[in-house]
Amino acid sequence: MDTYDKVINGYTGVLSARLACLNSKSDVYKQLANLDQNKKQLKNQLKTLYTNLLTTEDSITTLKKNIDLNNKRLVMQNLNMTWR
């Protein structure tokens, strides 16, 4: 093998290594982009779940108040019935 072939083989090896490095770097960037997208989706889902939780808690509070009101009405009706 002459010197020219050795230089070409060395250069080809360096280019192959550089290409492998750039491909790895590109894969890392793609994975980071996917990770960021998944993170945003999870944050949005968490916000939605929290909003649903607050809405459900408000509904429960309203239902409890309605139950208390109905119980008071029933007590009042029973008192009115007893006095008659």
PDB file of N, CA and C in Angstrom:
ATOM      1  N   MET A   1       0.843  -1.172   0.000  1.00  0.00           N
ATOM      2  CA  MET A   1       0.000   0.000   0.000  1.00  0.00           C
ATOM      3  C   MET A   1       0.894   1.243   0.000  1.00  0.00           C
ATOM      4  N   ASP A   2       0.574   2.144  -0.850  1.00  0.00           N
ATOM      5  CA  ASP A   2       1.413   3.343  -0.913  1.00  0.00           C
ATOM      6  C   ASP A   2       0.911   4.422   0.041  1.00  0.00           C
ATOM      7  N   THR A   3       1.630   5.480   0.144  1.00  0.00           N
ATOM      8  CA  THR A   3       1.334   6.558   1.078  1.00  0.00           C
ATOM      9  C   THR A   3      -0.008   7.205   0.785  1.00  0.00           C
ATOM     10  N   TYR A   4      -0.334   7.358  -0.471  1.00  0.00           N
ATOM     11  CA  TYR A   4      -1.609   7.984  -0.853  1.00  0.00           C
ATOM     12  C   TYR A   4      -2.789   7.174  -0.313  1.00  0.00           C
ATOM     13  N   ASP A   5      -2.737   5.852  -0.475  1.00  0.00           N
ATOM     14  CA  ASP A   5      -3.816   4.995   0.025  1.00  0.00           C
ATOM     15  C   ASP A   5      -3.923   5.079   1.547  1.00  0.00           C
ATOM     16  N   LYS A   6      -2.782   5.148   2.216  1.00  0.00           N
ATOM     17  CA  LYS A   6      -2.796   5.270   3.678  1.00  0.00           C
ATOM     18  C   LYS A   6      -3.453   6.584   4.107  1.00  0.00           C
ATOM     19  N   VAL A   7      -3.130   7.652   3.423  1.00  0.00           N
ATOM     20  CA  VAL A   7      -3.712   8.963   3.750  1.00  0.00           C
ATOM     21  C   VAL A   7      -5.221   8.936   3.493  1.00  0.00           C
ATOM     22  N   ILE A   8      -5.626   8.366   2.353  1.00  0.00           N
ATOM     23  CA  ILE A   8      -7.058   8.280   2.021  1.00  0.00           C
ATOM     24  C   ILE A   8      -7.787   7.423   3.050  1.00  0.00           C
ATOM     25  N   ASN A   9      -7.213   6.299   3.422  1.00  0.00           N
ATOM     26  CA  ASN A   9      -7.839   5.433   4.431  1.00  0.00           C
ATOM     27  C   ASN A   9      -7.945   6.146   5.781  1.00  0.00           C
ATOM     28  N   GLY A  10      -6.910   6.872   6.163  1.00  0.00           N
ATOM     29  CA  GLY A  10      -6.948   7.636   7.415  1.00  0.00           C
ATOM     30  C   GLY A  10      -8.020   8.713   7.372  1.00  0.00           C
ATOM     31  N   TYR A  11      -8.081   9.419   6.249  1.00  0.00           N
ATOM     32  CA  TYR A  11      -9.083  10.475   6.088  1.00  0.00           C
ATOM     33  C   TYR A  11     -10.490   9.886   6.098  1.00  0.00           C
ATOM     34  N   THR A  12     -10.664   8.755   5.426  1.00  0.00           N
ATOM     35  CA  THR A  12     -11.967   8.084   5.405  1.00  0.00           C
ATOM     36  C   THR A  12     -12.369   7.653   6.813  1.00  0.00           C
ATOM     37  N   GLY A  13     -11.410   7.172   7.573  1.00  0.00           N
ATOM     38  CA  GLY A  13     -11.685   6.776   8.961  1.00  0.00           C
ATOM     39  C   GLY A  13     -12.114   7.960   9.805  1.00  0.00           C
ATOM     40  N   VAL A  14     -11.425   9.079   9.644  1.00  0.00           N
ATOM     41  CA  VAL A  14     -11.767  10.295  10.394  1.00  0.00           C
ATOM     42  C   VAL A  14     -13.159  10.778  10.004  1.00  0.00           C
ATOM     43  N   LEU A  15     -13.456  10.770   8.698  1.00  0.00           N
ATOM     44  CA  LEU A  15     -14.784  11.191   8.240  1.00  0.00           C
ATOM     45  C   LEU A  15     -15.880  10.270   8.769  1.00  0.00           C
ATOM     46  N   SER A  16     -15.614   8.981   8.789  1.00  0.00           N
ATOM     47  CA  SER A  16     -16.598   8.026   9.315  1.00  0.00           C
ATOM     48  C   SER A  16     -16.861   8.268  10.792  1.00  0.00           C
ATOM     49  N   ALA A  17     -15.791   8.513  11.541  1.00  0.00           N
ATOM     50  CA  ALA A  17     -15.939   8.788  12.973  1.00  0.00           C
ATOM     51  C   ALA A  17     -16.718  10.083  13.194  1.00  0.00           C
ATOM     52  N   ARG A  18     -16.407  11.100  12.399  1.00  0.00           N
ATOM     53  CA  ARG A  18     -17.114  12.384  12.523  1.00  0.00           C
ATOM     54  C   ARG A  18     -18.586  12.221  12.183  1.00  0.00           C
ATOM     55  N   LEU A  19     -18.880  11.458  11.123  1.00  0.00           N
ATOM     56  CA  LEU A  19     -20.262  11.214  10.724  1.00  0.00           C
ATOM     57  C   LEU A  19     -21.016  10.462  11.817  1.00  0.00           C
ATOM     58  N   ALA A  20     -20.373   9.478  12.426  1.00  0.00           N
ATOM     59  CA  ALA A  20     -21.000   8.733  13.519  1.00  0.00           C
ATOM     60  C   ALA A  20     -21.290   9.661  14.697  1.00  0.00           C
ATOM     61  N   CYS A  21     -20.347  10.544  14.988  1.00  0.00           N
ATOM     62  CA  CYS A  21     -20.530  11.509  16.080  1.00  0.00           C
ATOM     63  C   CYS A  21     -21.701  12.441  15.787  1.00  0.00           C
ATOM     64  N   LEU A  22     -21.769  12.949  14.569  1.00  0.00           N
ATOM     65  CA  LEU A  22     -22.861  13.859  14.200  1.00  0.00           C
ATOM     66  C   LEU A  22     -24.213  13.146  14.215  1.00  0.00           C
ATOM     67  N   ASN A  23     -24.238  11.890  13.780  1.00  0.00           N
ATOM     68  CA  ASN A  23     -25.487  11.124  13.829  1.00  0.00           C
ATOM     69  C   ASN A  23     -25.940  10.908  15.267  1.00  0.00           C
ATOM     70  N   SER A  24     -24.990  10.608  16.145  1.00  0.00           N
ATOM     71  CA  SER A  24     -25.323  10.439  17.565  1.00  0.00           C
ATOM     72  C   SER A  24     -25.861  11.737  18.151  1.00  0.00           C
ATOM     73  N   LYS A  25     -25.206  12.836  17.807  1.00  0.00           N
ATOM     74  CA  LYS A  25     -25.634  14.146  18.300  1.00  0.00           C
ATOM     75  C   LYS A  25     -27.042  14.473  17.797  1.00  0.00           C
ATOM     76  N   SER A  26     -27.302  14.156  16.538  1.00  0.00           N
ATOM     77  CA  SER A  26     -28.628  14.388  15.961  1.00  0.00           C
ATOM     78  C   SER A  26     -29.687  13.563  16.684  1.00  0.00           C
ATOM     79  N   ASP A  27     -29.363  12.309  16.993  1.00  0.00           N
ATOM     80  CA  ASP A  27     -30.303  11.454  17.724  1.00  0.00           C
ATOM     81  C   ASP A  27     -30.596  12.015  19.112  1.00  0.00           C
ATOM     82  N   VAL A  28     -29.566  12.533  19.767  1.00  0.00           N
ATOM     83  CA  VAL A  28     -29.753  13.127  21.097  1.00  0.00           C
ATOM     84  C   VAL A  28     -30.674  14.339  21.008  1.00  0.00           C
ATOM     85  N   TYR A  29     -30.473  15.192  19.997  1.00  0.00           N
ATOM     86  CA  TYR A  29     -31.331  16.367  19.830  1.00  0.00           C
ATOM     87  C   TYR A  29     -32.778  15.958  19.573  1.00  0.00           C
ATOM     88  N   LYS A  30     -32.972  14.920  18.769  1.00  0.00           N
ATOM     89  CA  LYS A  30     -34.331  14.435  18.502  1.00  0.00           C
ATOM     90  C   LYS A  30     -34.978  13.911  19.774  1.00  0.00           C
ATOM     91  N   GLN A  31     -34.213  13.164  20.562  1.00  0.00           N
ATOM     92  CA  GLN A  31     -34.745  12.635  21.818  1.00  0.00           C
ATOM     93  C   GLN A  31     -35.072  13.759  22.797  1.00  0.00           C
ATOM     94  N   LEU A  32     -34.229  14.789  22.837  1.00  0.00           N
ATOM     95  CA  LEU A  32     -34.506  15.934  23.709  1.00  0.00           C
ATOM     96  C   LEU A  32     -35.769  16.672  23.267  1.00  0.00           C
ATOM     97  N   ALA A  33     -35.945  16.804  21.962  1.00  0.00           N
ATOM     98  CA  ALA A  33     -37.151  17.461  21.448  1.00  0.00           C
ATOM     99  C   ALA A  33     -38.385  16.647  21.814  1.00  0.00           C
ATOM    100  N   ASN A  34     -38.308  15.324  21.670  1.00  0.00           N
ATOM    101  CA  ASN A  34     -39.431  14.461  22.050  1.00  0.00           C
ATOM    102  C   ASN A  34     -39.699  14.541  23.544  1.00  0.00           C
ATOM    103  N   LEU A  35     -38.638  14.595  24.325  1.00  0.00           N
ATOM    104  CA  LEU A  35     -38.781  14.700  25.775  1.00  0.00           C
ATOM    105  C   LEU A  35     -39.472  16.005  26.161  1.00  0.00           C
ATOM    106  N   ASP A  36     -39.067  17.106  25.534  1.00  0.00           N
ATOM    107  CA  ASP A  36     -39.709  18.397  25.806  1.00  0.00           C
ATOM    108  C   ASP A  36     -41.181  18.374  25.423  1.00  0.00           C
ATOM    109  N   GLN A  37     -41.486  17.756  24.287  1.00  0.00           N
ATOM    110  CA  GLN A  37     -42.880  17.668  23.848  1.00  0.00           C
ATOM    111  C   GLN A  37     -43.701  16.830  24.830  1.00  0.00           C
ATOM    112  N   ASN A  38     -43.145  15.707  25.267  1.00  0.00           N
ATOM    113  CA  ASN A  38     -43.843  14.869  26.244  1.00  0.00           C
ATOM    114  C   ASN A  38     -44.035  15.609  27.563  1.00  0.00           C
ATOM    115  N   LYS A  39     -43.035  16.381  27.952  1.00  0.00           N
ATOM    116  CA  LYS A  39     -43.122  17.161  29.190  1.00  0.00           C
ATOM    117  C   LYS A  39     -44.262  18.177  29.104  1.00  0.00           C
ATOM    118  N   LYS A  40     -44.369  18.860  27.957  1.00  0.00           N
ATOM    119  CA  LYS A  40     -45.448  19.835  27.773  1.00  0.00           C
ATOM    120  C   LYS A  40     -46.809  19.148  27.810  1.00  0.00           C
ATOM    121  N   GLN A  41     -46.915  17.986  27.165  1.00  0.00           N
ATOM    122  CA  GLN A  41     -48.182  17.260  27.162  1.00  0.00           C
ATOM    123  C   GLN A  41     -48.563  16.833  28.575  1.00  0.00           C
ATOM    124  N   LEU A  42     -47.588  16.345  29.339  1.00  0.00           N
ATOM    125  CA  LEU A  42     -47.866  15.927  30.710  1.00  0.00           C
ATOM    126  C   LEU A  42     -48.279  17.108  31.583  1.00  0.00           C
ATOM    127  N   LYS A  43     -47.636  18.261  31.381  1.00  0.00           N
ATOM    128  CA  LYS A  43     -48.028  19.457  32.139  1.00  0.00           C
ATOM    129  C   LYS A  43     -49.464  19.857  31.819  1.00  0.00           C
ATOM    130  N   ASN A  44     -49.819  19.809  30.538  1.00  0.00           N
ATOM    131  CA  ASN A  44     -51.188  20.149  30.146  1.00  0.00           C
ATOM    132  C   ASN A  44     -52.189  19.159  30.728  1.00  0.00           C
ATOM    133  N   GLN A  45     -51.838  17.874  30.720  1.00  0.00           N
ATOM    134  CA  GLN A  45     -52.722  16.871  31.305  1.00  0.00           C
ATOM    135  C   GLN A  45     -52.878  17.100  32.801  1.00  0.00           C
ATOM    136  N   LEU A  46     -51.780  17.446  33.458  1.00  0.00           N
ATOM    137  CA  LEU A  46     -51.828  17.716  34.894  1.00  0.00           C
ATOM    138  C   LEU A  46     -52.717  18.920  35.195  1.00  0.00           C
ATOM    139  N   LYS A  47     -52.596  19.970  34.378  1.00  0.00           N
ATOM    140  CA  LYS A  47     -53.451  21.148  34.560  1.00  0.00           C
ATOM    141  C   LYS A  47     -54.920  20.780  34.385  1.00  0.00           C
ATOM    142  N   THR A  48     -55.207  19.969  33.372  1.00  0.00           N
ATOM    143  CA  THR A  48     -56.585  19.545  33.127  1.00  0.00           C
ATOM    144  C   THR A  48     -57.112  18.724  34.293  1.00  0.00           C
ATOM    145  N   LEU A  49     -56.300  17.788  34.777  1.00  0.00           N
ATOM    146  CA  LEU A  49     -56.722  16.962  35.911  1.00  0.00           C
ATOM    147  C   LEU A  49     -56.952  17.812  37.158  1.00  0.00           C
ATOM    148  N   TYR A  50     -56.101  18.794  37.379  1.00  0.00           N
ATOM    149  CA  TYR A  50     -56.258  19.664  38.544  1.00  0.00           C
ATOM    150  C   TYR A  50     -57.540  20.493  38.429  1.00  0.00           C
ATOM    151  N   THR A  51     -57.799  20.993  37.231  1.00  0.00           N
ATOM    152  CA  THR A  51     -59.035  21.748  37.007  1.00  0.00           C
ATOM    153  C   THR A  51     -60.247  20.863  37.250  1.00  0.00           C
ATOM    154  N   ASN A  52     -60.195  19.631  36.757  1.00  0.00           N
ATOM    155  CA  ASN A  52     -61.299  18.695  36.980  1.00  0.00           C
ATOM    156  C   ASN A  52     -61.476  18.397  38.463  1.00  0.00           C
ATOM    157  N   LEU A  53     -60.367  18.271  39.180  1.00  0.00           N
ATOM    158  CA  LEU A  53     -60.432  18.031  40.615  1.00  0.00           C
ATOM    159  C   LEU A  53     -61.105  19.196  41.331  1.00  0.00           C
ATOM    160  N   LEU A  54     -60.710  20.413  40.990  1.00  0.00           N
ATOM    161  CA  LEU A  54     -61.323  21.591  41.617  1.00  0.00           C
ATOM    162  C   LEU A  54     -62.813  21.671  41.301  1.00  0.00           C
ATOM    163  N   THR A  55     -63.175  21.366  40.065  1.00  0.00           N
ATOM    164  CA  THR A  55     -64.579  21.384  39.670  1.00  0.00           C
ATOM    165  C   THR A  55     -65.367  20.341  40.453  1.00  0.00           C
ATOM    166  N   THR A  56     -64.789  19.162  40.600  1.00  0.00           N
ATOM    167  CA  THR A  56     -65.457  18.095  41.346  1.00  0.00           C
ATOM    168  C   THR A  56     -65.600  18.475  42.819  1.00  0.00           C
ATOM    169  N   GLU A  57     -64.565  19.074  43.385  1.00  0.00           N
ATOM    170  CA  GLU A  57     -64.655  19.520  44.780  1.00  0.00           C
ATOM    171  C   GLU A  57     -65.753  20.568  44.943  1.00  0.00           C
ATOM    172  N   ASP A  58     -65.854  21.491  44.002  1.00  0.00           N
ATOM    173  CA  ASP A  58     -66.919  22.493  44.051  1.00  0.00           C
ATOM    174  C   ASP A  58     -68.291  21.835  43.952  1.00  0.00           C
ATOM    175  N   SER A  59     -68.405  20.845  43.096  1.00  0.00           N
ATOM    176  CA  SER A  59     -69.680  20.135  42.952  1.00  0.00           C
ATOM    177  C   SER A  59     -70.051  19.427  44.245  1.00  0.00           C
ATOM    178  N   ILE A  60     -69.065  18.813  44.882  1.00  0.00           N
ATOM    179  CA  ILE A  60     -69.314  18.124  46.150  1.00  0.00           C
ATOM    180  C   ILE A  60     -69.761  19.126  47.206  1.00  0.00           C
ATOM    181  N   THR A  61     -69.104  20.272  47.264  1.00  0.00           N
ATOM    182  CA  THR A  61     -69.482  21.308  48.227  1.00  0.00           C
ATOM    183  C   THR A  61     -70.912  21.776  47.978  1.00  0.00           C
ATOM    184  N   THR A  62     -71.254  21.985  46.714  1.00  0.00           N
ATOM    185  CA  THR A  62     -72.611  22.409  46.367  1.00  0.00           C
ATOM    186  C   THR A  62     -73.625  21.340  46.760  1.00  0.00           C
ATOM    187  N   LEU A  63     -73.311  20.092  46.479  1.00  0.00           N
ATOM    188  CA  LEU A  63     -74.221  19.002  46.844  1.00  0.00           C
ATOM    189  C   LEU A  63     -74.411  18.915  48.358  1.00  0.00           C
ATOM    190  N   LYS A  64     -73.326  19.088  49.110  1.00  0.00           N
ATOM    191  CA  LYS A  64     -73.435  19.061  50.571  1.00  0.00           C
ATOM    192  C   LYS A  64     -74.336  20.194  51.071  1.00  0.00           C
ATOM    193  N   LYS A  65     -74.171  21.375  50.483  1.00  0.00           N
ATOM    194  CA  LYS A  65     -75.015  22.505  50.884  1.00  0.00           C
ATOM    195  C   LYS A  65     -76.477  22.229  50.553  1.00  0.00           C
ATOM    196  N   ASN A  66     -76.717  21.641  49.382  1.00  0.00           N
ATOM    197  CA  ASN A  66     -78.091  21.305  49.004  1.00  0.00           C
ATOM    198  C   ASN A  66     -78.688  20.267  49.943  1.00  0.00           C
ATOM    199  N   ILE A  67     -77.890  19.298  50.344  1.00  0.00           N
ATOM    200  CA  ILE A  67     -78.362  18.284  51.294  1.00  0.00           C
ATOM    201  C   ILE A  67     -78.711  18.947  52.618  1.00  0.00           C
ATOM    202  N   ASP A  68     -77.844  19.835  53.095  1.00  0.00           N
ATOM    203  CA  ASP A  68     -78.115  20.543  54.351  1.00  0.00           C
ATOM    204  C   ASP A  68     -79.401  21.365  54.250  1.00  0.00           C
ATOM    205  N   LEU A  69     -79.566  22.062  53.121  1.00  0.00           N
ATOM    206  CA  LEU A  69     -80.785  22.852  52.933  1.00  0.00           C
ATOM    207  C   LEU A  69     -82.028  21.968  52.923  1.00  0.00           C
ATOM    208  N   ASN A  70     -81.950  20.863  52.215  1.00  0.00           N
ATOM    209  CA  ASN A  70     -83.097  19.957  52.164  1.00  0.00           C
ATOM    210  C   ASN A  70     -83.394  19.359  53.529  1.00  0.00           C
ATOM    211  N   ASN A  71     -82.360  19.040  54.276  1.00  0.00           N
ATOM    212  CA  ASN A  71     -82.573  18.521  55.631  1.00  0.00           C
ATOM    213  C   ASN A  71     -83.248  19.570  56.517  1.00  0.00           C
ATOM    214  N   LYS A  72     -82.815  20.822  56.388  1.00  0.00           N
ATOM    215  CA  LYS A  72     -83.441  21.893  57.172  1.00  0.00           C
ATOM    216  C   LYS A  72     -84.901  22.079  56.765  1.00  0.00           C
ATOM    217  N   ARG A  73     -85.169  21.998  55.467  1.00  0.00           N
ATOM    218  CA  ARG A  73     -86.552  22.114  54.996  1.00  0.00           C
ATOM    219  C   ARG A  73     -87.414  20.985  55.548  1.00  0.00           C
ATOM    220  N   LEU A  74     -86.852  19.791  55.542  1.00  0.00           N
ATOM    221  CA  LEU A  74     -87.601  18.653  56.075  1.00  0.00           C
ATOM    222  C   LEU A  74     -87.885  18.823  57.565  1.00  0.00           C
ATOM    223  N   VAL A  75     -86.894  19.306  58.282  1.00  0.00           N
ATOM    224  CA  VAL A  75     -87.090  19.548  59.715  1.00  0.00           C
ATOM    225  C   VAL A  75     -88.175  20.597  59.913  1.00  0.00           C
ATOM    226  N   MET A  76     -88.127  21.658  59.110  1.00  0.00           N
ATOM    227  CA  MET A  76     -89.141  22.711  59.212  1.00  0.00           C
ATOM    228  C   MET A  76     -90.525  22.167  58.864  1.00  0.00           C
ATOM    229  N   GLN A  77     -90.597  21.348  57.841  1.00  0.00           N
ATOM    230  CA  GLN A  77     -91.886  20.765  57.456  1.00  0.00           C
ATOM    231  C   GLN A  77     -92.418  19.864  58.559  1.00  0.00           C
ATOM    232  N   ASN A  78     -91.535  19.091  59.153  1.00  0.00           N
ATOM    233  CA  ASN A  78     -91.955  18.212  60.244  1.00  0.00           C
ATOM    234  C   ASN A  78     -92.427  19.020  61.447  1.00  0.00           C
ATOM    235  N   LEU A  79     -91.744  20.120  61.719  1.00  0.00           N
ATOM    236  CA  LEU A  79     -92.165  20.973  62.824  1.00  0.00           C
ATOM    237  C   LEU A  79     -93.531  21.592  62.528  1.00  0.00           C
ATOM    238  N   ASN A  80     -93.725  22.012  61.300  1.00  0.00           N
ATOM    239  CA  ASN A  80     -95.014  22.588  60.917  1.00  0.00           C
ATOM    240  C   ASN A  80     -96.121  21.551  61.007  1.00  0.00           C
ATOM    241  N   MET A  81     -95.818  20.332  60.639  1.00  0.00           N
ATOM    242  CA  MET A  81     -96.819  19.255  60.702  1.00  0.00           C
ATOM    243  C   MET A  81     -97.181  18.949  62.150  1.00  0.00           C
ATOM    244  N   THR A  82     -96.180  18.996  63.021  1.00  0.00           N
ATOM    245  CA  THR A  82     -96.421  18.663  64.419  1.00  0.00           C
ATOM    246  C   THR A  82     -97.246  19.738  65.113  1.00  0.00           C
ATOM    247  N   TRP A  83     -97.086  20.953  64.727  1.00  0.00           N
ATOM    248  CA  TRP A  83     -97.816  22.042  65.357  1.00  0.00           C
ATOM    249  C   TRP A  83     -99.251  22.124  64.869  1.00  0.00           C
ATOM    250  N   ARG A  84     -99.568  21.451  63.834  1.00  0.00           N
ATOM    251  CA  ARG A  84    -100.935  21.525  63.317  1.00  0.00           C
ATOM    252  C   ARG A  84    -101.830  20.582  63.996  1.00  0.00           C
TER     253      ARG A  84
END
